[in-house]
C-alpha atoms as a PDB file:
ATOM      1  CA  MET A   1     182.081  58.100 194.426  1.00  0.00           C
ATOM      2  CA  ARG A   2     184.906  60.606 193.838  1.00  0.00           C
ATOM      3  CA  TRP A   3     185.227  59.354 190.332  1.00  0.00           C
ATOM      4  CA  LEU A   4     181.527  60.132 189.649  1.00  0.00           C
ATOM      5  CA  ALA A   5     181.885  63.670 191.057  1.00  0.00           C
ATOM      6  CA  PHE A   6     184.979  64.257 188.855  1.00  0.00           C
ATOM      7  CA  LEU A   7     183.139  62.982 185.777  1.00  0.00           C
ATOM      8  CA  SER A   8     180.129  65.289 186.357  1.00  0.00           C
ATOM      9  CA  VAL A   9     182.455  68.311 186.769  1.00  0.00           C
ATOM     10  CA  LEU A  10     184.239  67.352 183.571  1.00  0.00           C
ATOM     11  CA  LEU A  11     180.965  67.037 181.635  1.00  0.00           C
ATOM     12  CA  VAL A  12     179.684  70.405 182.908  1.00  0.00           C
ATOM     13  CA  SER A  13     182.917  72.189 181.937  1.00  0.00           C
ATOM     14  CA  ALA A  14     182.943  70.510 178.496  1.00  0.00           C
ATOM     15  CA  ASP A  15     179.373  71.647 177.922  1.00  0.00           C
ATOM     16  CA  ALA A  16     180.279  75.238 178.868  1.00  0.00           C
ATOM     17  CA  HIS A  17     182.947  75.350 176.129  1.00  0.00           C
ATOM     18  CA  ALA A  18     180.763  73.919 173.334  1.00  0.00           C
ATOM     19  CA  GLU A  19     180.418  75.738 170.025  1.00  0.00           C
ATOM     20  CA  PRO A  20     177.613  78.315 170.037  1.00  0.00           C
ATOM     21  CA  GLY A  21     174.585  77.418 167.916  1.00  0.00           C
ATOM     22  CA  PRO A  22     172.880  79.720 165.445  1.00  0.00           C
ATOM     23  CA  LYS A  23     171.924  83.061 166.887  1.00  0.00           C
ATOM     24  CA  PRO A  24     168.154  83.196 167.512  1.00  0.00           C
ATOM     25  CA  ARG A  25     166.310  85.589 165.183  1.00  0.00           C
ATOM     26  CA  GLU A  26     165.747  88.919 166.834  1.00  0.00           C
ATOM     27  CA  VAL A  27     162.072  89.837 166.678  1.00  0.00           C
ATOM     28  CA  ARG A  28     161.534  93.521 166.038  1.00  0.00           C
ATOM     29  CA  LEU A  29     158.240  95.381 166.194  1.00  0.00           C
ATOM     30  CA  ASP A  30     157.291  98.782 164.831  1.00  0.00           C
ATOM     31  CA  ALA A  31     155.698 101.578 166.876  1.00  0.00           C
ATOM     32  CA  ASP A  32     152.231 100.008 166.378  1.00  0.00           C
ATOM     33  CA  GLY A  33     153.392  96.564 167.563  1.00  0.00           C
ATOM     34  CA  ASP A  34     153.431  95.006 164.070  1.00  0.00           C
ATOM     35  CA  LEU A  35     156.233  92.620 163.108  1.00  0.00           C
ATOM     36  CA  LEU A  36     159.035  94.160 161.042  1.00  0.00           C
ATOM     37  CA  PRO A  37     160.551  92.291 158.077  1.00  0.00           C
ATOM     38  CA  GLU A  38     163.851  90.521 158.740  1.00  0.00           C
ATOM     39  CA  GLY A  39     166.771  92.963 158.715  1.00  0.00           C
ATOM     40  CA  ALA A  40     164.588  96.079 159.112  1.00  0.00           C
ATOM     41  CA  LEU A  41     165.365  98.413 161.993  1.00  0.00           C
ATOM     42  CA  VAL A  42     162.316 100.695 161.819  1.00  0.00           C
ATOM     43  CA  ARG A  43     159.209 101.209 159.690  1.00  0.00           C
ATOM     44  CA  LEU A  44     158.541 104.597 158.174  1.00  0.00           C
ATOM     45  CA  GLY A  45     154.775 104.996 158.201  1.00  0.00           C
ATOM     46  CA  THR A  46     152.388 102.232 159.234  1.00  0.00           C
ATOM     47  CA  LYS A  47     150.740  99.029 158.035  1.00  0.00           C
ATOM     48  CA  ARG A  48     147.450 100.076 159.613  1.00  0.00           C
ATOM     49  CA  PHE A  49     144.563 100.945 157.271  1.00  0.00           C
ATOM     50  CA  ARG A  50     146.806 100.315 154.238  1.00  0.00           C
ATOM     51  CA  ASP A  51     144.321  99.122 151.642  1.00  0.00           C
ATOM     52  CA  LEU A  52     145.407 100.888 148.492  1.00  0.00           C
ATOM     53  CA  ASN A  53     143.325  98.795 146.081  1.00  0.00           C
ATOM     54  CA  ALA A  54     139.957  98.985 147.865  1.00  0.00           C
ATOM     55  CA  SER A  55     137.177 100.063 145.545  1.00  0.00           C
ATOM     56  CA  GLN A  56     134.421  99.664 148.173  1.00  0.00           C
ATOM     57  CA  VAL A  57     134.597 100.599 151.855  1.00  0.00           C
ATOM     58  CA  ALA A  58     131.892 100.200 154.519  1.00  0.00           C
ATOM     59  CA  ILE A  59     131.673 100.283 158.283  1.00  0.00           C
ATOM     60  CA  THR A  60     130.178  97.120 159.791  1.00  0.00           C
ATOM     61  CA  PRO A  61     126.741  97.387 161.433  1.00  0.00           C
ATOM     62  CA  ASP A  62     128.259  97.036 164.921  1.00  0.00           C
ATOM     63  CA  GLY A  63     130.580  99.996 164.197  1.00  0.00           C
ATOM     64  CA  LYS A  64     133.701  98.098 165.260  1.00  0.00           C
ATOM     65  CA  SER A  65     135.247  97.225 161.895  1.00  0.00           C
ATOM     66  CA  VAL A  66     135.765  98.475 158.358  1.00  0.00           C
ATOM     67  CA  VAL A  67     135.125  96.177 155.387  1.00  0.00           C
ATOM     68  CA  CYS A  68     137.160  96.909 152.231  1.00  0.00           C
ATOM     69  CA  TRP A  69     136.856  94.960 149.005  1.00  0.00           C
ATOM     70  CA  ASP A  70     137.941  95.001 145.403  1.00  0.00           C
ATOM     71  CA  TRP A  71     138.690  92.541 142.600  1.00  0.00           C
ATOM     72  CA  VAL A  72     141.342  90.837 144.769  1.00  0.00           C
ATOM     73  CA  GLY A  73     139.261  90.067 147.835  1.00  0.00           C
ATOM     74  CA  VAL A  74     137.797  91.250 151.126  1.00  0.00           C
ATOM     75  CA  ARG A  75     139.716  92.720 154.057  1.00  0.00           C
ATOM     76  CA  ILE A  76     138.300  93.531 157.488  1.00  0.00           C
ATOM     77  CA  TRP A  77     140.089  96.082 159.668  1.00  0.00           C
ATOM     78  CA  GLU A  78     139.560  97.010 163.326  1.00  0.00           C
ATOM     79  CA  LEU A  79     138.175 100.536 163.367  1.00  0.00           C
ATOM     80  CA  ALA A  80     139.749 101.424 166.724  1.00  0.00           C
ATOM     81  CA  ASP A  81     143.387 100.815 165.775  1.00  0.00           C
ATOM     82  CA  GLY A  82     143.413  99.973 162.046  1.00  0.00           C
ATOM     83  CA  LYS A  83     144.786  96.468 162.513  1.00  0.00           C
ATOM     84  CA  LEU A  84     143.924  93.881 159.852  1.00  0.00           C
ATOM     85  CA  CYS A  85     141.545  91.304 161.413  1.00  0.00           C
ATOM     86  CA  ARG A  86     141.209  88.923 158.465  1.00  0.00           C
ATOM     87  CA  SER A  87     141.226  88.732 154.708  1.00  0.00           C
ATOM     88  CA  TRP A  88     139.705  86.528 152.006  1.00  0.00           C
ATOM     89  CA  TYR A  89     141.037  86.266 148.472  1.00  0.00           C
ATOM     90  CA  VAL A  90     138.759  85.754 145.479  1.00  0.00           C
ATOM     91  CA  PRO A  91     139.287  82.400 143.727  1.00  0.00           C
ATOM     92  CA  THR A  92     141.179  82.561 140.431  1.00  0.00           C
ATOM     93  CA  ALA A  93     139.137  83.845 137.466  1.00  0.00           C
ATOM     94  CA  HIS A  94     136.195  84.893 139.682  1.00  0.00           C
ATOM     95  CA  LEU A  95     134.993  88.500 139.734  1.00  0.00           C
ATOM     96  CA  ILE A  96     133.772  89.780 143.078  1.00  0.00           C
ATOM     97  CA  ARG A  97     130.391  91.511 142.755  1.00  0.00           C
ATOM     98  CA  SER A  98     129.020  92.176 146.255  1.00  0.00           C
ATOM     99  CA  VAL A  99     129.817  91.698 149.947  1.00  0.00           C
ATOM    100  CA  THR A 100     127.532  91.623 152.999  1.00  0.00           C
ATOM    101  CA  PRO A 101     127.847  94.612 155.358  1.00  0.00           C
ATOM    102  CA  ASP A 102     129.826  92.538 157.885  1.00  0.00           C
ATOM    103  CA  GLY A 103     132.138  91.057 155.225  1.00  0.00           C
ATOM    104  CA  ARG A 104     131.081  87.488 156.025  1.00  0.00           C
ATOM    105  CA  PHE A 105     129.613  86.610 152.598  1.00  0.00           C
ATOM    106  CA  ALA A 106     130.618  87.584 149.066  1.00  0.00           C
ATOM    107  CA  VAL A 107     129.043  87.104 145.640  1.00  0.00           C
ATOM    108  CA  THR A 108     131.309  86.295 142.688  1.00  0.00           C
ATOM    109  CA  THR A 109     130.727  85.492 139.041  1.00  0.00           C
ATOM    110  CA  HIS A 110     132.766  83.093 136.973  1.00  0.00           C
ATOM    111  CA  ASN A 111     131.974  82.475 133.309  1.00  0.00           C
ATOM    112  CA  ASP A 112     128.202  81.870 133.337  1.00  0.00           C
ATOM    113  CA  SER A 113     127.777  81.069 137.033  1.00  0.00           C
ATOM    114  CA  MET A 114     127.215  83.055 140.209  1.00  0.00           C
ATOM    115  CA  HIS A 115     128.655  81.918 143.560  1.00  0.00           C
ATOM    116  CA  VAL A 116     127.971  82.944 147.152  1.00  0.00           C
ATOM    117  CA  TRP A 117     131.025  82.466 149.377  1.00  0.00           C
ATOM    118  CA  ASP A 118     131.414  82.222 153.125  1.00  0.00           C
ATOM    119  CA  THR A 119     134.574  84.328 153.479  1.00  0.00           C
ATOM    120  CA  LEU A 120     135.201  83.138 157.037  1.00  0.00           C
ATOM    121  CA  ASP A 121     135.274  79.429 156.109  1.00  0.00           C
ATOM    122  CA  ASN A 122     136.505  79.990 152.507  1.00  0.00           C
ATOM    123  CA  ARG A 123     133.815  77.809 150.971  1.00  0.00           C
ATOM    124  CA  SER A 124     131.147  78.231 148.328  1.00  0.00           C
ATOM    125  CA  VAL A 125     127.707  78.023 149.965  1.00  0.00           C
ATOM    126  CA  ALA A 126     125.596  78.407 146.804  1.00  0.00           C
ATOM    127  CA  ARG A 127     126.010  78.350 143.024  1.00  0.00           C
ATOM    128  CA  ARG A 128     123.634  79.290 140.239  1.00  0.00           C
ATOM    129  CA  SER A 129     124.005  79.170 136.467  1.00  0.00           C
ATOM    130  CA  GLY A 130     123.078  82.252 134.487  1.00  0.00           C
ATOM    131  CA  GLY A 131     124.685  85.156 132.747  1.00  0.00           C
ATOM    132  CA  PRO A 132     126.682  86.119 130.910  1.00  0.00           C
ATOM    133  CA  TRP A 133     127.113  89.208 133.059  1.00  0.00           C
ATOM    134  CA  GLU A 134     128.790  92.352 131.890  1.00  0.00           C
ATOM    135  CA  PHE A 135     131.247  94.120 134.135  1.00  0.00           C
ATOM    136  CA  SER A 136     128.664  96.859 134.725  1.00  0.00           C
ATOM    137  CA  HIS A 137     125.943  94.500 136.008  1.00  0.00           C
ATOM    138  CA  GLN A 138     125.310  95.151 139.668  1.00  0.00           C
ATOM    139  CA  PHE A 139     124.710  92.620 142.439  1.00  0.00           C
ATOM    140  CA  VAL A 140     123.645  92.998 146.073  1.00  0.00           C
ATOM    141  CA  VAL A 141     123.620  90.231 148.672  1.00  0.00           C
ATOM    142  CA  SER A 142     121.310  90.446 151.707  1.00  0.00           C
ATOM    143  CA  PRO A 143     123.030  90.702 155.119  1.00  0.00           C
ATOM    144  CA  ASP A 144     122.018  87.114 156.012  1.00  0.00           C
ATOM    145  CA  ALA A 145     123.162  85.860 152.559  1.00  0.00           C
ATOM    146  CA  HIS A 146     119.759  84.292 151.904  1.00  0.00           C
ATOM    147  CA  SER A 147     119.060  86.403 148.805  1.00  0.00           C
ATOM    148  CA  VAL A 148     120.963  88.016 145.969  1.00  0.00           C
ATOM    149  CA  ALA A 149     119.476  90.757 143.793  1.00  0.00           C
ATOM    150  CA  TYR A 150     121.015  91.423 140.393  1.00  0.00           C
ATOM    151  CA  ARG A 151     120.253  92.882 136.992  1.00  0.00           C
ATOM    152  CA  ASP A 152     118.908  90.219 134.669  1.00  0.00           C
ATOM    153  CA  PRO A 153     121.356  89.999 131.749  1.00  0.00           C
ATOM    154  CA  LEU A 154     118.698  88.693 129.352  1.00  0.00           C
ATOM    155  CA  VAL A 155     115.670  90.871 130.184  1.00  0.00           C
ATOM    156  CA  PRO A 156     116.247  94.628 129.801  1.00  0.00           C
ATOM    157  CA  ARG A 157     115.368  96.854 132.769  1.00  0.00           C
ATOM    158  CA  SER A 158     114.557  93.981 135.085  1.00  0.00           C
ATOM    159  CA  ILE A 159     115.950  92.814 138.398  1.00  0.00           C
ATOM    160  CA  CYS A 160     116.121  89.217 139.613  1.00  0.00           C
ATOM    161  CA  VAL A 161     116.055  88.139 143.233  1.00  0.00           C
ATOM    162  CA  TRP A 162     117.608  84.727 143.870  1.00  0.00           C
ATOM    163  CA  ASP A 163     116.331  83.081 147.046  1.00  0.00           C
ATOM    164  CA  ILE A 164     119.300  80.891 147.946  1.00  0.00           C
ATOM    165  CA  ARG A 165     117.445  78.841 150.571  1.00  0.00           C
ATOM    166  CA  ILE A 166     115.047  77.356 147.999  1.00  0.00           C
ATOM    167  CA  ASP A 167     117.229  78.016 144.916  1.00  0.00           C
ATOM    168  CA  ARG A 168     114.526  79.993 143.126  1.00  0.00           C
ATOM    169  CA  ASN A 169     114.718  83.136 141.000  1.00  0.00           C
ATOM    170  CA  ARG A 170     112.053  85.797 140.939  1.00  0.00           C
ATOM    171  CA  THR A 171     112.149  88.473 138.237  1.00  0.00           C
ATOM    172  CA  LEU A 172     110.917  91.945 139.026  1.00  0.00           C
ATOM    173  CA  GLY A 173     109.793  93.614 135.792  1.00  0.00           C
ATOM    174  CA  GLN A 174     110.040  97.175 134.501  1.00  0.00           C
ATOM    175  CA  ARG A 175     107.518  98.526 136.989  1.00  0.00           C
ATOM    176  CA  ALA A 176     109.569  97.348 139.973  1.00  0.00           C
ATOM    177  CA  CYS A 177     112.742  98.708 138.412  1.00  0.00           C
ATOM    178  CA  THR A 178     111.162 102.108 137.819  1.00  0.00           C
ATOM    179  CA  SER A 179     109.756 102.321 141.352  1.00  0.00           C
ATOM    180  CA  SER A 180     113.110 101.415 142.908  1.00  0.00           C
ATOM    181  CA  GLY A 181     114.968 103.943 140.785  1.00  0.00           C
ATOM    182  CA  TYR A 182     116.409 101.283 138.431  1.00  0.00           C
ATOM    183  CA  ARG A 183     119.483 100.802 140.491  1.00  0.00           C
ATOM    184  CA  ILE A 184     120.623  98.132 142.806  1.00  0.00           C
ATOM    185  CA  GLY A 185     122.060  99.762 145.883  1.00  0.00           C
ATOM    186  CA  SER A 186     121.672  99.808 149.649  1.00  0.00           C
ATOM    187  CA  ALA A 187     118.473 101.896 149.577  1.00  0.00           C
ATOM    188  CA  SER A 188     116.670 100.051 146.778  1.00  0.00           C
ATOM    189  CA  ILE A 189     117.680  96.581 147.958  1.00  0.00           C
ATOM    190  CA  ARG A 190     115.849  97.139 151.255  1.00  0.00           C
ATOM    191  CA  THR A 191     112.711  97.923 149.256  1.00  0.00           C
ATOM    192  CA  MET A 192     113.098  94.809 147.100  1.00  0.00           C
ATOM    193  CA  PHE A 193     113.792  92.455 150.020  1.00  0.00           C
ATOM    194  CA  ALA A 194     110.899  93.881 152.035  1.00  0.00           C
ATOM    195  CA  GLY A 195     108.533  92.927 149.213  1.00  0.00           C
ATOM    196  CA  SER A 196     109.978  89.412 148.761  1.00  0.00           C
END
């Protein structure tokens, strides 16, 4: 029994003098609670609301977030503290054309096709052939992502409404374009979708 007690004391003392392992990485946070890069001591400025490339900015309908988007993708920020909630990057060679007010769905064009993306699940939910679309052609997606309105590239001064649920296009002619101010925007899209 004494021998066992001596052996356990010997093992404990040998373990106490073992070589130290690698030093655990020290986690440093800035004043806002965001992780600092390795080796940094402080951050001058902030990472909050830093969206230098955003070409479009909108507040979500619930008033809690800000949706920013550009040719790179969609970013959603918390309005209260400016923290990035989530982001979605546009697939290679696609051009982002429109985003729903909550940032959940986005419309892109690629060559001669139009895609509707679920930015939360990063999957294409609908695709339609058409085009070619010029850079200046405008697109608007309905908040529920059931319809997309866009300028028809082949028929001058006309607007098409694509009903995604039944995969059908409806062209609104010159009269509709004139009455809606010949622009696709938040005010005129409501008028077009109300008449669908």
